[in-house]
Protein backbone atom coordinates (compact mmCIF):
# COMPACT_ATOMS: atom_id res chain seq x y z
CA UNK A 1 26.19 -21.00 -41.66
CA UNK A 2 28.75 -19.97 -38.97
CA UNK A 3 30.50 -17.82 -40.90
CA UNK A 4 27.62 -15.88 -42.46
CA UNK A 5 27.34 -12.25 -41.92
CA UNK A 6 23.37 -12.54 -41.64
CA UNK A 7 23.88 -15.21 -38.91
CA UNK A 8 25.97 -13.19 -36.88
CA UNK A 9 23.78 -9.92 -37.31
CA UNK A 10 20.87 -12.32 -36.22
CA UNK A 11 22.79 -12.84 -32.91
CA UNK A 12 23.63 -9.65 -32.12
CA UNK A 13 20.24 -8.44 -33.08
CA UNK A 14 18.70 -11.21 -30.50
CA UNK A 15 21.21 -10.48 -27.28
CA UNK A 16 20.90 -7.04 -27.66
CA UNK A 17 17.10 -7.36 -27.64
CA UNK A 18 17.34 -9.93 -24.51
CA UNK A 19 19.36 -7.43 -22.83
CA UNK A 20 17.25 -4.52 -23.52
CA UNK A 21 14.11 -6.61 -22.51
CA UNK A 22 15.99 -7.61 -19.22
CA UNK A 23 16.75 -4.06 -18.05
CA UNK A 24 13.07 -3.12 -18.73
CA UNK A 25 11.86 -5.82 -16.38
CA UNK A 26 14.34 -4.96 -13.56
CA UNK A 27 13.24 -1.53 -14.00
CA UNK A 28 9.89 -2.19 -13.88
CA UNK A 29 9.99 -4.56 -10.79
CA UNK A 30 11.81 -2.28 -8.86
CA UNK A 31 9.25 0.42 -9.49
CA UNK A 32 6.86 -1.77 -8.38
CA UNK A 33 8.71 -2.73 -5.29
CA UNK A 34 9.49 0.81 -4.49
CA UNK A 35 5.71 2.19 -4.84
CA UNK A 36 4.73 -0.63 -2.38
CA UNK A 37 7.07 0.19 0.02
CA UNK A 38 6.01 3.72 0.06
CA UNK A 39 2.10 2.61 0.31
CA UNK A 40 3.24 0.54 2.88
CA UNK A 41 5.28 3.48 4.79
CA UNK A 42 1.91 5.54 4.41
CA UNK A 43 -0.30 2.85 5.66
CA UNK A 44 1.68 2.01 8.82
CA UNK A 45 1.66 6.23 9.39
CA UNK A 46 -2.20 5.80 9.11
CA UNK A 47 -2.14 3.14 11.85
CA UNK A 48 0.48 4.95 14.15
CA UNK A 49 -1.88 7.98 13.97
CA UNK A 50 -4.71 6.86 16.46
CA UNK A 51 -2.28 5.84 18.88
CA UNK A 52 -0.57 9.46 18.81
CA UNK A 53 -4.02 10.94 19.53
CA UNK A 54 -4.79 8.58 22.51
CA UNK A 55 -1.46 9.01 23.65
CA UNK A 56 -1.84 12.79 23.52
CA UNK A 57 -5.58 13.08 24.44
CA UNK A 58 -6.65 14.22 27.78
CA UNK A 59 -8.66 11.27 28.91
CA UNK A 60 -7.46 7.55 28.25
CA UNK A 61 -10.77 6.58 26.82
CA UNK A 62 -14.25 8.04 25.57
CA UNK A 63 -17.49 6.91 26.60
CA UNK A 64 -19.44 4.22 25.17
CA UNK A 65 -22.82 5.18 24.09
CA UNK A 66 -25.35 4.10 26.55
CA UNK A 67 -28.64 3.71 24.21
CA UNK A 68 -30.74 5.36 21.79
CA UNK A 69 -30.78 8.55 23.51
CA UNK A 70 -27.02 9.38 23.63
CA UNK A 71 -24.77 10.80 21.81
CA UNK A 72 -23.00 7.98 19.21
CA UNK A 73 -19.29 8.02 21.05
CA UNK A 74 -16.49 5.36 20.24
CA UNK A 75 -14.20 3.84 22.85
CA UNK A 76 -10.85 4.35 22.06
CA UNK A 77 -10.21 0.87 22.30
CA UNK A 78 -12.05 0.55 19.35
CA UNK A 79 -9.55 3.05 17.59
CA UNK A 80 -6.68 1.36 18.61
CA UNK A 81 -8.23 -2.28 17.77
CA UNK A 82 -8.45 -0.80 14.16
CA UNK A 83 -5.02 0.36 14.29
CA UNK A 84 -3.45 -2.98 15.75
CA UNK A 85 -5.56 -4.39 12.68
CA UNK A 86 -3.95 -2.48 10.51
CA UNK A 87 -0.36 -3.05 11.49
CA UNK A 88 -1.13 -6.99 11.81
CA UNK A 89 -2.18 -6.74 8.08
CA UNK A 90 0.85 -4.94 7.13
CA UNK A 91 3.50 -6.73 9.06
CA UNK A 92 3.91 -10.32 7.44
CA UNK A 93 4.43 -8.26 4.21
CA UNK A 94 7.91 -7.80 4.30
CA UNK A 95 8.25 -8.28 0.64
CA UNK A 96 6.79 -6.19 -1.88
CA UNK A 97 2.98 -6.42 -2.38
CA UNK A 98 1.68 -9.27 -4.41
CA UNK A 99 0.06 -7.55 -7.98
CA UNK A 100 -2.53 -10.22 -8.16
CA UNK A 101 -4.28 -9.26 -4.85
CA UNK A 102 -2.84 -5.86 -4.09
CA UNK A 103 -2.98 -5.11 -0.36
CA UNK A 104 -6.58 -6.90 -0.07
CA UNK A 105 -6.12 -7.42 4.23
CA UNK A 106 -4.39 -4.05 4.14
CA UNK A 107 -7.05 -2.63 2.60
CA UNK A 108 -10.28 -3.87 4.33
CA UNK A 109 -7.97 -3.13 7.98
CA UNK A 110 -7.52 0.30 6.19
CA UNK A 111 -11.41 0.68 5.59
CA UNK A 112 -12.08 -0.37 9.35
CA UNK A 113 -9.37 2.14 10.64
CA UNK A 114 -10.86 4.94 8.55
CA UNK A 115 -14.59 4.24 10.12
CA UNK A 116 -13.03 3.66 13.43
CA UNK A 117 -11.15 7.28 12.94
CA UNK A 118 -14.24 8.90 11.72
CA UNK A 119 -16.22 7.66 14.66
CA UNK A 120 -13.81 8.82 17.37
CA UNK A 121 -13.74 12.11 15.43
CA UNK A 122 -17.45 12.80 15.72
CA UNK A 123 -17.49 11.76 19.36
CA UNK A 124 -14.71 13.84 20.57
CA UNK A 125 -16.09 16.68 18.48
CA UNK A 126 -17.79 18.04 21.38
CA UNK A 127 -15.37 17.38 24.27
CA UNK A 128 -12.08 19.24 25.13
CA UNK A 129 -10.26 17.46 22.65
CA UNK A 130 -8.51 19.63 19.84
CA UNK A 131 -10.23 17.47 16.90
CA UNK A 132 -9.21 19.96 14.27
CA UNK A 133 -5.30 19.67 14.28
CA UNK A 134 -5.67 15.96 14.08
CA UNK A 135 -8.78 15.62 11.67
CA UNK A 136 -5.95 17.88 9.51
CA UNK A 137 -3.31 15.46 9.84
CA UNK A 138 -5.20 12.49 8.69
CA UNK A 139 -6.57 13.86 5.51
CA UNK A 140 -3.21 15.03 4.59
CA UNK A 141 -2.03 11.28 5.22
CA UNK A 142 -5.26 10.03 3.19
CA UNK A 143 -4.39 12.61 0.46
CA UNK A 144 -0.91 10.99 0.26
CA UNK A 145 -2.35 7.62 0.59
CA UNK A 146 -4.68 7.30 -2.28
CA UNK A 147 -2.33 8.37 -5.16
CA UNK A 148 0.54 5.96 -3.79
CA UNK A 149 -1.92 3.37 -4.01
CA UNK A 150 -2.84 4.19 -7.51
CA UNK A 151 0.95 4.28 -8.35
CA UNK A 152 1.39 1.21 -6.92
CA UNK A 153 -1.38 -0.66 -8.65
CA UNK A 154 -0.04 1.45 -11.94
CA UNK A 155 3.41 0.01 -11.60
CA UNK A 156 2.38 -3.49 -10.74
CA UNK A 157 0.49 -3.97 -13.77
CA UNK A 158 2.83 -2.56 -15.96
CA UNK A 159 5.46 -5.29 -14.59
CA UNK A 160 2.93 -7.84 -14.56
CA UNK A 161 2.02 -6.60 -18.23
CA UNK A 162 5.72 -7.08 -18.91
CA UNK A 163 6.11 -10.43 -17.77
CA UNK A 164 3.27 -11.66 -19.72
CA UNK A 165 3.89 -9.99 -22.93
CA UNK A 166 5.51 -12.26 -25.81
CA UNK A 167 8.41 -12.68 -26.04
CA UNK A 168 9.50 -10.86 -22.86
CA UNK A 169 7.73 -13.67 -21.44
CA UNK A 170 10.12 -16.38 -22.67
CA UNK A 171 12.96 -14.60 -21.21
CA UNK A 172 10.98 -13.57 -17.82
CA UNK A 173 10.60 -17.11 -17.45
CA UNK A 174 14.10 -18.21 -18.45
CA UNK A 175 15.39 -15.79 -16.10
CA UNK A 176 13.04 -15.69 -13.06
CA UNK A 177 10.72 -13.01 -13.28
CA UNK A 178 7.56 -13.78 -11.94
CA UNK A 179 4.96 -12.12 -9.74
CA UNK A 180 6.26 -9.81 -6.97
């Protein structure tokens, strides 16, 4: 058996397949981690933009609505609180985002921030604040955020699919590949 060329051919095929599968898993994991870091960076920029807007504004706060007869306005503290909420959702994520629940709390905090931003822009539209430039910056970030989120989800799903697929799943378990 040890001297059989067929045995050694099978061993060589198994070794080369294992190396190829291992390299594929490493590439897929690195791609998912890089996409997660890119997404988190864009989300942090979204969280910083309201702070920059408030710091550049002519007044520290917009007045809160006084009732049904007044125009709907939001206090800048609400916008800053939404920004802090997104920061807090992103802060424990030092490691790559988990693919099973991709950025669930960050996604919720991002929606809160989007709503607060829209309210603040609507309230500031009639004031001396220069809203158009800030709305353009926000729209630019949102335009970058959507493909980054889609890219992260695709990369993490490709990685998870690879570690679940037999026979690579055996190699993934042996070598220690698991969810991000």
